[in-house]
C-alpha atoms as a PDB file:
ATOM      1  CA  MET A   1      18.045  18.717 -23.854  1.00  0.00           C
ATOM      2  CA  ALA A   2      19.710  22.028 -22.967  1.00  0.00           C
ATOM      3  CA  LYS A   3      16.962  23.914 -24.776  1.00  0.00           C
ATOM      4  CA  SER A   4      14.298  21.986 -22.869  1.00  0.00           C
ATOM      5  CA  ASN A   5      15.976  22.698 -19.522  1.00  0.00           C
ATOM      6  CA  GLU A   6      16.291  26.398 -20.418  1.00  0.00           C
ATOM      7  CA  SER A   7      12.594  26.665 -21.310  1.00  0.00           C
ATOM      8  CA  SER A   8      11.619  24.924 -18.069  1.00  0.00           C
ATOM      9  CA  LEU A   9      13.774  27.373 -16.093  1.00  0.00           C
ATOM     10  CA  ASN A  10      12.177  30.318 -17.887  1.00  0.00           C
ATOM     11  CA  ARG A  11       8.699  29.041 -17.030  1.00  0.00           C
ATOM     12  CA  LEU A  12       9.636  28.758 -13.356  1.00  0.00           C
ATOM     13  CA  GLN A  13      11.110  32.263 -13.310  1.00  0.00           C
ATOM     14  CA  SER A  14       7.997  33.712 -14.964  1.00  0.00           C
ATOM     15  CA  ILE A  15       5.796  32.662 -12.022  1.00  0.00           C
ATOM     16  CA  SER A  16       4.894  35.598  -9.808  1.00  0.00           C
ATOM     17  CA  PRO A  17       6.589  35.700  -6.357  1.00  0.00           C
ATOM     18  CA  VAL A  18       3.148  36.230  -4.833  1.00  0.00           C
ATOM     19  CA  TRP A  19       1.887  32.976  -6.324  1.00  0.00           C
ATOM     20  CA  ASN A  20       5.036  31.217  -5.125  1.00  0.00           C
ATOM     21  CA  MET A  21       4.416  32.492  -1.602  1.00  0.00           C
ATOM     22  CA  LEU A  22       0.737  31.504  -1.666  1.00  0.00           C
ATOM     23  CA  PHE A  23       1.588  28.056  -2.967  1.00  0.00           C
ATOM     24  CA  SER A  24       4.238  27.638  -0.251  1.00  0.00           C
ATOM     25  CA  VAL A  25       1.733  28.672   2.436  1.00  0.00           C
ATOM     26  CA  PHE A  26      -0.795  26.201   1.016  1.00  0.00           C
ATOM     27  CA  LEU A  27       1.750  23.360   1.142  1.00  0.00           C
ATOM     28  CA  ILE A  28       2.700  24.270   4.720  1.00  0.00           C
ATOM     29  CA  LEU A  29      -0.943  24.258   5.820  1.00  0.00           C
ATOM     30  CA  LEU A  30      -1.524  20.973   4.012  1.00  0.00           C
ATOM     31  CA  GLY A  31       1.498  19.464   5.763  1.00  0.00           C
ATOM     32  CA  ILE A  32       0.204  20.669   9.136  1.00  0.00           C
ATOM     33  CA  THR A  33      -3.208  19.071   8.561  1.00  0.00           C
ATOM     34  CA  ILE A  34      -1.431  15.776   7.867  1.00  0.00           C
ATOM     35  CA  ILE A  35       1.216  15.859  10.599  1.00  0.00           C
ATOM     36  CA  VAL A  36      -0.859  17.214  13.509  1.00  0.00           C
ATOM     37  CA  PRO A  37      -3.325  14.257  13.614  1.00  0.00           C
ATOM     38  CA  LEU A  38      -0.394  11.827  13.531  1.00  0.00           C
ATOM     39  CA  ILE A  39       1.238  13.619  16.459  1.00  0.00           C
ATOM     40  CA  LEU A  40      -2.051  13.517  18.368  1.00  0.00           C
ATOM     41  CA  VAL A  41      -2.380   9.769  17.767  1.00  0.00           C
ATOM     42  CA  VAL A  42       1.127   9.174  19.128  1.00  0.00           C
ATOM     43  CA  ILE A  43       0.431  11.327  22.218  1.00  0.00           C
ATOM     44  CA  ILE A  44      -2.860   9.552  22.938  1.00  0.00           C
ATOM     45  CA  SER A  45      -1.108   6.180  22.699  1.00  0.00           C
ATOM     46  CA  PHE A  46       1.084   7.307  25.628  1.00  0.00           C
ATOM     47  CA  THR A  47      -1.848   8.712  27.623  1.00  0.00           C
ATOM     48  CA  SER A  48      -3.523   6.792  30.425  1.00  0.00           C
ATOM     49  CA  ALA A  49      -7.107   5.631  29.989  1.00  0.00           C
ATOM     50  CA  GLU A  50      -8.185   7.660  33.039  1.00  0.00           C
ATOM     51  CA  SER A  51      -6.766  10.870  31.583  1.00  0.00           C
ATOM     52  CA  ILE A  52      -8.589  10.275  28.291  1.00  0.00           C
ATOM     53  CA  ALA A  53     -11.856   9.547  30.134  1.00  0.00           C
ATOM     54  CA  PHE A  54     -11.717  12.745  32.215  1.00  0.00           C
ATOM     55  CA  ASN A  55      -9.950  15.203  29.884  1.00  0.00           C
ATOM     56  CA  GLY A  56     -10.546  13.782  26.408  1.00  0.00           C
ATOM     57  CA  TYR A  57      -7.981  14.104  23.645  1.00  0.00           C
ATOM     58  CA  SER A  58      -5.222  16.579  24.399  1.00  0.00           C
ATOM     59  CA  PHE A  59      -1.761  17.447  23.140  1.00  0.00           C
ATOM     60  CA  PHE A  60      -0.769  17.998  26.777  1.00  0.00           C
ATOM     61  CA  PRO A  61      -2.254  15.123  28.805  1.00  0.00           C
ATOM     62  CA  SER A  62      -2.064  15.087  32.576  1.00  0.00           C
ATOM     63  CA  SER A  63      -0.111  11.827  32.667  1.00  0.00           C
ATOM     64  CA  PHE A  64       2.090   9.885  30.270  1.00  0.00           C
ATOM     65  CA  THR A  65       2.398   6.112  30.359  1.00  0.00           C
ATOM     66  CA  ALA A  66       3.616   3.303  28.126  1.00  0.00           C
ATOM     67  CA  TYR A  67       1.010   0.914  29.534  1.00  0.00           C
ATOM     68  CA  ALA A  68      -0.709   0.494  26.163  1.00  0.00           C
ATOM     69  CA  TYR A  69       2.469  -0.753  24.484  1.00  0.00           C
ATOM     70  CA  GLN A  70       3.393  -2.930  27.474  1.00  0.00           C
ATOM     71  CA  ASN A  71      -0.066  -4.486  27.516  1.00  0.00           C
ATOM     72  CA  LEU A  72       0.091  -5.171  23.786  1.00  0.00           C
ATOM     73  CA  ALA A  73       3.502  -6.792  24.207  1.00  0.00           C
ATOM     74  CA  TYR A  74       2.289  -9.155  26.933  1.00  0.00           C
ATOM     75  CA  THR A  75      -1.306  -9.881  25.903  1.00  0.00           C
ATOM     76  CA  GLY A  76      -1.444  -9.112  22.181  1.00  0.00           C
ATOM     77  CA  THR A  77      -0.950 -12.677  20.907  1.00  0.00           C
ATOM     78  CA  GLN A  78      -3.594 -12.325  18.191  1.00  0.00           C
ATOM     79  CA  LEU A  79      -2.281  -8.869  17.329  1.00  0.00           C
ATOM     80  CA  LEU A  80       1.277 -10.150  16.954  1.00  0.00           C
ATOM     81  CA  ASN A  81       0.128 -13.068  14.808  1.00  0.00           C
ATOM     82  CA  SER A  82      -1.927 -10.752  12.582  1.00  0.00           C
ATOM     83  CA  TYR A  83       1.008  -8.353  12.363  1.00  0.00           C
ATOM     84  CA  LEU A  84       3.396 -11.070  11.181  1.00  0.00           C
ATOM     85  CA  ILE A  85       0.930 -12.597   8.729  1.00  0.00           C
ATOM     86  CA  THR A  86       0.226  -9.133   7.279  1.00  0.00           C
ATOM     87  CA  ILE A  87       3.943  -8.573   6.733  1.00  0.00           C
ATOM     88  CA  PHE A  88       4.063 -11.882   4.866  1.00  0.00           C
ATOM     89  CA  TYR A  89       0.993 -11.008   2.783  1.00  0.00           C
ATOM     90  CA  ALA A  90       2.361  -7.570   1.893  1.00  0.00           C
ATOM     91  CA  VAL A  91       5.945  -8.590   1.088  1.00  0.00           C
ATOM     92  CA  ALA A  92       5.165 -11.830  -0.761  1.00  0.00           C
ATOM     93  CA  GLY A  93       2.193 -10.326  -2.573  1.00  0.00           C
ATOM     94  CA  THR A  94       4.170  -7.278  -3.683  1.00  0.00           C
ATOM     95  CA  PHE A  95       7.071  -9.410  -4.909  1.00  0.00           C
ATOM     96  CA  LEU A  96       4.837 -11.746  -6.925  1.00  0.00           C
ATOM     97  CA  THR A  97       2.769  -8.884  -8.343  1.00  0.00           C
ATOM     98  CA  LEU A  98       5.880  -7.011  -9.475  1.00  0.00           C
ATOM     99  CA  LEU A  99       7.376 -10.160 -10.999  1.00  0.00           C
ATOM    100  CA  VAL A 100       4.321 -11.190 -13.016  1.00  0.00           C
ATOM    101  CA  THR A 101       3.314  -7.639 -13.944  1.00  0.00           C
ATOM    102  CA  SER A 102       6.821  -6.730 -15.108  1.00  0.00           C
ATOM    103  CA  LEU A 103       7.060  -9.912 -17.201  1.00  0.00           C
ATOM    104  CA  PHE A 104       3.765  -9.085 -18.878  1.00  0.00           C
ATOM    105  CA  SER A 105       4.761  -5.435 -19.383  1.00  0.00           C
ATOM    106  CA  PHE A 106       8.112  -6.443 -20.849  1.00  0.00           C
ATOM    107  CA  SER A 107       6.331  -8.702 -23.339  1.00  0.00           C
ATOM    108  CA  ILE A 108       3.803  -6.149 -24.578  1.00  0.00           C
ATOM    109  CA  ALA A 109       6.517  -3.470 -24.757  1.00  0.00           C
ATOM    110  CA  GLN A 110       8.319  -5.401 -27.513  1.00  0.00           C
ATOM    111  CA  ARG A 111       7.260  -3.835 -30.809  1.00  0.00           C
ATOM    112  CA  LYS A 112       8.119  -7.000 -32.756  1.00  0.00           C
ATOM    113  CA  PHE A 113       5.946  -9.199 -30.534  1.00  0.00           C
ATOM    114  CA  ARG A 114       2.936 -10.066 -32.707  1.00  0.00           C
ATOM    115  CA  ALA A 115       0.433 -10.636 -29.910  1.00  0.00           C
ATOM    116  CA  ARG A 116       1.253  -7.444 -28.030  1.00  0.00           C
ATOM    117  CA  ARG A 117      -1.726  -5.491 -29.417  1.00  0.00           C
ATOM    118  CA  ALA A 118      -4.203  -8.229 -28.536  1.00  0.00           C
ATOM    119  CA  LEU A 119      -2.778  -8.685 -25.033  1.00  0.00           C
ATOM    120  CA  THR A 120      -2.748  -4.930 -24.450  1.00  0.00           C
ATOM    121  CA  PHE A 121      -6.384  -4.752 -25.538  1.00  0.00           C
ATOM    122  CA  PHE A 122      -7.387  -7.562 -23.177  1.00  0.00           C
ATOM    123  CA  ALA A 123      -5.556  -5.860 -20.300  1.00  0.00           C
ATOM    124  CA  PHE A 124      -7.173  -2.520 -21.087  1.00  0.00           C
ATOM    125  CA  PHE A 125     -10.600  -4.163 -21.431  1.00  0.00           C
ATOM    126  CA  THR A 126     -10.420  -5.453 -17.845  1.00  0.00           C
ATOM    127  CA  MET A 127      -9.810  -1.890 -16.673  1.00  0.00           C
ATOM    128  CA  LEU A 128     -13.111  -0.792 -18.231  1.00  0.00           C
ATOM    129  CA  PHE A 129     -15.300  -3.789 -17.362  1.00  0.00           C
ATOM    130  CA  SER A 130     -14.848  -5.775 -14.176  1.00  0.00           C
ATOM    131  CA  GLY A 131     -16.429  -9.127 -13.431  1.00  0.00           C
ATOM    132  CA  GLY A 132     -17.830  -7.784 -10.167  1.00  0.00           C
ATOM    133  CA  LEU A 133     -17.690  -8.822  -6.535  1.00  0.00           C
ATOM    134  CA  VAL A 134     -20.197 -11.696  -6.621  1.00  0.00           C
ATOM    135  CA  PRO A 135     -18.607 -13.591  -9.566  1.00  0.00           C
ATOM    136  CA  ALA A 136     -15.164 -13.099  -8.021  1.00  0.00           C
ATOM    137  CA  TYR A 137     -16.403 -14.496  -4.699  1.00  0.00           C
ATOM    138  CA  ILE A 138     -18.011 -17.515  -6.379  1.00  0.00           C
ATOM    139  CA  ILE A 139     -14.868 -18.293  -8.386  1.00  0.00           C
ATOM    140  CA  ASN A 140     -12.502 -17.872  -5.415  1.00  0.00           C
ATOM    141  CA  VAL A 141     -14.608 -19.904  -2.982  1.00  0.00           C
ATOM    142  CA  THR A 142     -16.560 -22.447  -5.044  1.00  0.00           C
ATOM    143  CA  TYR A 143     -14.103 -23.288  -7.812  1.00  0.00           C
ATOM    144  CA  LEU A 144     -10.638 -22.317  -6.569  1.00  0.00           C
ATOM    145  CA  HIS A 145     -11.268 -22.967  -2.836  1.00  0.00           C
ATOM    146  CA  LEU A 146      -9.028 -20.071  -1.813  1.00  0.00           C
ATOM    147  CA  ASN A 147     -11.025 -19.103   1.268  1.00  0.00           C
ATOM    148  CA  ASP A 148      -9.181 -19.551   4.577  1.00  0.00           C
ATOM    149  CA  THR A 149      -5.845 -19.918   2.771  1.00  0.00           C
ATOM    150  CA  VAL A 150      -2.916 -17.557   2.288  1.00  0.00           C
ATOM    151  CA  TRP A 151      -3.376 -17.807  -1.476  1.00  0.00           C
ATOM    152  CA  ILE A 152      -6.443 -15.568  -1.409  1.00  0.00           C
ATOM    153  CA  PHE A 153      -4.085 -12.646  -0.705  1.00  0.00           C
ATOM    154  CA  LEU A 154      -1.569 -13.626  -3.391  1.00  0.00           C
ATOM    155  CA  LEU A 155      -3.255 -15.117  -6.468  1.00  0.00           C
ATOM    156  CA  PRO A 156      -6.230 -12.784  -7.226  1.00  0.00           C
ATOM    157  CA  GLY A 157      -3.965  -9.734  -7.319  1.00  0.00           C
ATOM    158  CA  LEU A 158      -1.098 -11.425  -9.087  1.00  0.00           C
ATOM    159  CA  ILE A 159      -1.278  -8.999 -12.003  1.00  0.00           C
ATOM    160  CA  SER A 160      -2.742  -5.531 -12.327  1.00  0.00           C
ATOM    161  CA  ALA A 161      -3.723  -4.292 -15.781  1.00  0.00           C
ATOM    162  CA  TRP A 162      -3.337  -0.668 -14.710  1.00  0.00           C
ATOM    163  CA  TYR A 163       0.198  -1.180 -13.384  1.00  0.00           C
ATOM    164  CA  ALA A 164       1.091  -3.353 -16.381  1.00  0.00           C
ATOM    165  CA  ILE A 165       0.197  -0.599 -18.839  1.00  0.00           C
ATOM    166  CA  MET A 166       1.985   1.983 -16.692  1.00  0.00           C
ATOM    167  CA  LEU A 167       5.130  -0.137 -16.645  1.00  0.00           C
ATOM    168  CA  ARG A 168       4.887  -0.827 -20.378  1.00  0.00           C
ATOM    169  CA  THR A 169       4.783   2.925 -21.014  1.00  0.00           C
ATOM    170  CA  PHE A 170       7.778   3.396 -18.716  1.00  0.00           C
ATOM    171  CA  ILE A 171       9.773   0.747 -20.598  1.00  0.00           C
ATOM    172  CA  GLN A 172       8.965   2.191 -24.007  1.00  0.00           C
ATOM    173  CA  SER A 173       9.805   5.756 -22.956  1.00  0.00           C
ATOM    174  CA  SER A 174      12.868   5.161 -20.769  1.00  0.00           C
ATOM    175  CA  VAL A 175      14.553   1.936 -21.914  1.00  0.00           C
ATOM    176  CA  PRO A 176      16.112   1.994 -25.422  1.00  0.00           C
ATOM    177  CA  GLU A 177      14.832  -0.900 -27.514  1.00  0.00           C
ATOM    178  CA  THR A 178      18.231  -1.100 -29.217  1.00  0.00           C
ATOM    179  CA  LEU A 179      19.618  -2.606 -26.012  1.00  0.00           C
ATOM    180  CA  PHE A 180      17.240  -5.540 -26.328  1.00  0.00           C
ATOM    181  CA  GLU A 181      18.034  -5.995 -30.011  1.00  0.00           C
ATOM    182  CA  SER A 182      21.797  -5.908 -29.355  1.00  0.00           C
ATOM    183  CA  ALA A 183      21.477  -8.528 -26.632  1.00  0.00           C
ATOM    184  CA  LYS A 184      19.430 -10.813 -28.894  1.00  0.00           C
ATOM    185  CA  ILE A 185      22.023 -10.429 -31.660  1.00  0.00           C
ATOM    186  CA  ASP A 186      24.627 -11.608 -29.151  1.00  0.00           C
ATOM    187  CA  GLY A 187      22.561 -14.749 -28.520  1.00  0.00           C
ATOM    188  CA  ALA A 188      20.524 -13.832 -25.426  1.00  0.00           C
ATOM    189  CA  ASN A 189      17.000 -15.207 -25.173  1.00  0.00           C
ATOM    190  CA  ASP A 190      13.999 -13.236 -23.909  1.00  0.00           C
ATOM    191  CA  LEU A 191      14.335 -14.330 -20.271  1.00  0.00           C
ATOM    192  CA  LEU A 192      18.015 -13.406 -20.200  1.00  0.00           C
ATOM    193  CA  VAL A 193      17.235 -10.009 -21.729  1.00  0.00           C
ATOM    194  CA  TYR A 194      14.527  -9.475 -19.129  1.00  0.00           C
ATOM    195  CA  PHE A 195      16.596 -10.413 -16.067  1.00  0.00           C
ATOM    196  CA  ARG A 196      19.973  -9.016 -17.136  1.00  0.00           C
ATOM    197  CA  ILE A 197      18.993  -5.864 -19.049  1.00  0.00           C
ATOM    198  CA  ALA A 198      15.351  -4.847 -18.676  1.00  0.00           C
ATOM    199  CA  LEU A 199      14.901  -5.536 -14.968  1.00  0.00           C
ATOM    200  CA  PRO A 200      17.815  -3.358 -13.747  1.00  0.00           C
ATOM    201  CA  LEU A 201      16.636  -0.492 -15.957  1.00  0.00           C
ATOM    202  CA  MET A 202      13.065  -0.790 -14.639  1.00  0.00           C
ATOM    203  CA  LYS A 203      14.003  -0.156 -10.999  1.00  0.00           C
ATOM    204  CA  ALA A 204      12.459   3.314 -10.880  1.00  0.00           C
ATOM    205  CA  GLY A 205       9.177   2.139 -12.391  1.00  0.00           C
ATOM    206  CA  LEU A 206       9.092  -0.999 -10.250  1.00  0.00           C
ATOM    207  CA  ALA A 207       9.761   1.040  -7.104  1.00  0.00           C
ATOM    208  CA  THR A 208       6.878   3.383  -7.883  1.00  0.00           C
ATOM    209  CA  ILE A 209       4.447   0.558  -8.577  1.00  0.00           C
ATOM    210  CA  GLY A 210       5.856  -1.523  -5.727  1.00  0.00           C
ATOM    211  CA  LEU A 211       5.096   1.178  -3.174  1.00  0.00           C
ATOM    212  CA  PHE A 212       1.498   1.467  -4.384  1.00  0.00           C
ATOM    213  CA  VAL A 213       1.048  -2.307  -4.291  1.00  0.00           C
ATOM    214  CA  LEU A 214       2.685  -2.604  -0.868  1.00  0.00           C
ATOM    215  CA  VAL A 215       0.505   0.091   0.686  1.00  0.00           C
ATOM    216  CA  GLY A 216      -2.594  -1.410  -0.905  1.00  0.00           C
ATOM    217  CA  LYS A 217      -1.868  -4.898   0.400  1.00  0.00           C
ATOM    218  CA  TRP A 218      -0.849  -3.596   3.826  1.00  0.00           C
ATOM    219  CA  ASN A 219      -4.151  -1.709   4.195  1.00  0.00           C
ATOM    220  CA  ASP A 220      -6.324  -4.472   2.708  1.00  0.00           C
ATOM    221  CA  TRP A 221      -9.031  -5.391   5.212  1.00  0.00           C
ATOM    222  CA  PHE A 222     -11.806  -6.270   2.759  1.00  0.00           C
ATOM    223  CA  THR A 223     -10.225  -9.502   1.517  1.00  0.00           C
ATOM    224  CA  GLY A 224      -9.825 -10.821   5.055  1.00  0.00           C
ATOM    225  CA  MET A 225     -13.389  -9.861   5.921  1.00  0.00           C
ATOM    226  CA  LEU A 226     -14.789 -11.802   2.941  1.00  0.00           C
ATOM    227  CA  TYR A 227     -12.636 -14.909   2.851  1.00  0.00           C
ATOM    228  CA  ILE A 228     -10.868 -15.456   6.196  1.00  0.00           C
ATOM    229  CA  LYS A 229     -12.404 -17.057   9.288  1.00  0.00           C
ATOM    230  CA  LYS A 230      -9.356 -18.759  10.796  1.00  0.00           C
ATOM    231  CA  ALA A 231      -7.860 -16.606  13.544  1.00  0.00           C
ATOM    232  CA  SER A 232      -4.333 -17.616  12.527  1.00  0.00           C
ATOM    233  CA  LEU A 233      -4.813 -16.127   9.033  1.00  0.00           C
ATOM    234  CA  VAL A 234      -6.616 -12.883   9.905  1.00  0.00           C
ATOM    235  CA  PRO A 235      -4.600  -9.871   8.663  1.00  0.00           C
ATOM    236  CA  LEU A 236      -4.000  -6.886  10.880  1.00  0.00           C
ATOM    237  CA  GLN A 237      -6.369  -4.476   9.144  1.00  0.00           C
ATOM    238  CA  THR A 238      -9.222  -6.988   9.269  1.00  0.00           C
ATOM    239  CA  LEU A 239      -8.571  -7.512  12.982  1.00  0.00           C
ATOM    240  CA  LEU A 240      -8.760  -3.762  13.599  1.00  0.00           C
ATOM    241  CA  GLN A 241     -11.938  -3.541  11.548  1.00  0.00           C
ATOM    242  CA  ARG A 242     -13.550  -6.283  13.648  1.00  0.00           C
ATOM    243  CA  ILE A 243     -12.535  -4.510  16.855  1.00  0.00           C
ATOM    244  CA  GLN A 244     -14.057  -1.273  15.581  1.00  0.00           C
ATOM    245  CA  ASN A 245     -17.280  -3.054  14.597  1.00  0.00           C
ATOM    246  CA  ASN A 246     -17.552  -4.601  18.070  1.00  0.00           C
ATOM    247  CA  LEU A 247     -17.114  -1.189  19.686  1.00  0.00           C
ATOM    248  CA  GLN A 248     -19.780   0.372  17.483  1.00  0.00           C
ATOM    249  CA  PHE A 249     -22.147  -2.515  18.181  1.00  0.00           C
ATOM    250  CA  ILE A 250     -21.780  -2.077  21.947  1.00  0.00           C
ATOM    251  CA  LYS A 251     -22.232   1.705  21.736  1.00  0.00           C
ATOM    252  CA  GLN A 252     -25.404   1.333  19.677  1.00  0.00           C
ATOM    253  CA  ASN A 253     -26.902  -1.367  21.944  1.00  0.00           C
ATOM    254  CA  ALA A 254     -27.002  -0.137  25.538  1.00  0.00           C
ATOM    255  CA  ASP A 255     -28.977  -3.177  26.747  1.00  0.00           C
ATOM    256  CA  PHE A 256     -26.375  -5.569  25.376  1.00  0.00           C
ATOM    257  CA  ALA A 257     -23.544  -3.513  26.909  1.00  0.00           C
ATOM    258  CA  SER A 258     -25.061  -3.964  30.390  1.00  0.00           C
ATOM    259  CA  SER A 259     -25.496  -7.716  29.945  1.00  0.00           C
ATOM    260  CA  PRO A 260     -22.830 -10.217  31.098  1.00  0.00           C
ATOM    261  CA  GLU A 261     -21.900 -10.989  27.481  1.00  0.00           C
ATOM    262  CA  GLY A 262     -21.509  -7.300  26.676  1.00  0.00           C
ATOM    263  CA  MET A 263     -19.399  -6.639  29.768  1.00  0.00           C
ATOM    264  CA  GLU A 264     -17.169  -9.575  28.885  1.00  0.00           C
ATOM    265  CA  MET A 265     -16.748  -8.216  25.348  1.00  0.00           C
ATOM    266  CA  LEU A 266     -15.883  -4.779  26.743  1.00  0.00           C
ATOM    267  CA  ARG A 267     -13.190  -6.273  28.955  1.00  0.00           C
ATOM    268  CA  ASN A 268     -11.614  -8.008  25.973  1.00  0.00           C
ATOM    269  CA  LEU A 269     -11.657  -4.938  23.736  1.00  0.00           C
ATOM    270  CA  PRO A 270      -8.623  -2.614  23.805  1.00  0.00           C
ATOM    271  CA  THR A 271      -8.827   0.783  25.461  1.00  0.00           C
ATOM    272  CA  GLU A 272      -8.611   4.055  23.541  1.00  0.00           C
ATOM    273  CA  SER A 273      -4.881   4.405  24.207  1.00  0.00           C
ATOM    274  CA  MET A 274      -4.305   0.804  23.125  1.00  0.00           C
ATOM    275  CA  ARG A 275      -6.169   1.389  19.857  1.00  0.00           C
ATOM    276  CA  MET A 276      -4.005   4.428  19.182  1.00  0.00           C
ATOM    277  CA  ALA A 277      -0.904   2.380  20.011  1.00  0.00           C
ATOM    278  CA  ILE A 278      -2.059  -0.226  17.503  1.00  0.00           C
ATOM    279  CA  THR A 279      -2.496   2.559  14.926  1.00  0.00           C
ATOM    280  CA  VAL A 280       1.080   3.720  15.537  1.00  0.00           C
ATOM    281  CA  ILE A 281       2.409   0.176  15.185  1.00  0.00           C
ATOM    282  CA  VAL A 282       0.435  -0.327  11.968  1.00  0.00           C
ATOM    283  CA  THR A 283       1.729   2.918  10.447  1.00  0.00           C
ATOM    284  CA  LEU A 284       5.429   2.472  11.281  1.00  0.00           C
ATOM    285  CA  PRO A 285       6.360  -0.073   8.555  1.00  0.00           C
ATOM    286  CA  ILE A 286       5.119   2.178   5.738  1.00  0.00           C
ATOM    287  CA  LEU A 287       6.928   5.176   7.238  1.00  0.00           C
ATOM    288  CA  PHE A 288      10.175   3.189   7.307  1.00  0.00           C
ATOM    289  CA  VAL A 289       9.748   1.761   3.809  1.00  0.00           C
ATOM    290  CA  TYR A 290       8.944   5.006   1.996  1.00  0.00           C
ATOM    291  CA  PRO A 291      12.449   6.605   2.266  1.00  0.00           C
ATOM    292  CA  TYR A 292      13.906   3.501   0.606  1.00  0.00           C
ATOM    293  CA  PHE A 293      11.624   3.931  -2.412  1.00  0.00           C
ATOM    294  CA  GLN A 294      12.126   7.694  -2.578  1.00  0.00           C
ATOM    295  CA  ARG A 295      15.556   7.476  -4.180  1.00  0.00           C
ATOM    296  CA  TYR A 296      14.088   5.440  -7.027  1.00  0.00           C
ATOM    297  CA  PHE A 297      11.418   8.110  -7.551  1.00  0.00           C
ATOM    298  CA  ILE A 298      14.187  10.678  -7.973  1.00  0.00           C
ATOM    299  CA  GLN A 299      16.054   8.294 -10.275  1.00  0.00           C
ATOM    300  CA  GLY A 300      12.937   7.934 -12.431  1.00  0.00           C
ATOM    301  CA  ILE A 301      12.602  11.714 -12.734  1.00  0.00           C
ATOM    302  CA  THR A 302      16.275  11.951 -13.702  1.00  0.00           C
ATOM    303  CA  ILE A 303      15.860   9.274 -16.379  1.00  0.00           C
ATOM    304  CA  GLY A 304      12.925  11.131 -17.883  1.00  0.00           C
ATOM    305  CA  SER A 305      14.751  14.471 -17.940  1.00  0.00           C
ATOM    306  CA  VAL A 306      17.891  12.996 -19.529  1.00  0.00           C
ATOM    307  CA  LYS A 307      15.843  11.284 -22.232  1.00  0.00           C
ATOM    308  CA  GLY A 308      14.008  14.538 -22.894  1.00  0.00           C
END
């Protein structure tokens, strides 16, 4: 391990200072391109609609106001409902996906498990060949009747072959198999070994996969668009997508916009500052969750370096 660390240090020291400086400048510029739009979104959410109409987007608006957030707090009943249901979808879906995926990964990581090669092949096969959108829709709606239910967000993504193989590789490379064998010699069954030994040692891998799954489920608008019609079950991203579609429809149809129906739709649609406020509210949960997962990322790197 000492030899490996020494060689890694030598490789880092052999890099030219000029390349280090250029790489640092590149990372700074990349960070600016990511942070500046976020700052602009936050500023616009506190800008009055009149200021946006006359001056456009600006980092220094003529007037600041919290009207967008106040209006959302008092009139955003559908927004609040979609926000809460999205939190449920994301948290429950991530928990169930991690549970089932980790159980499957733990099984195929056991070298003495006879069916592990066949199960690994079936999992890998689904990564290469998918059933497609139309068969999935027919199965979910016609046979399973999952449309307009919360289960459409939980059951179809209950296990991911890609994450299962990733987690299997993590278990085989970071968790000593002798621990499992010692526990079984002491009389522990497979479930006890999984919950008492394997699961605590998989925290770094589960945190990495969990963050990907959580972000994916939080940003999932396509599932709601296909399967959800009930207003009480519409997730937040699908609601925002419908609002955006309505705005584009009105902009592309001037005659409809001047009609009574179009004017009524315009009155019900959020203003530019309100849409930016919604964007800020949507982004906040992920920003708060990421620091919690970061320590497990570092722990995973440490595990890999110690084993090396």
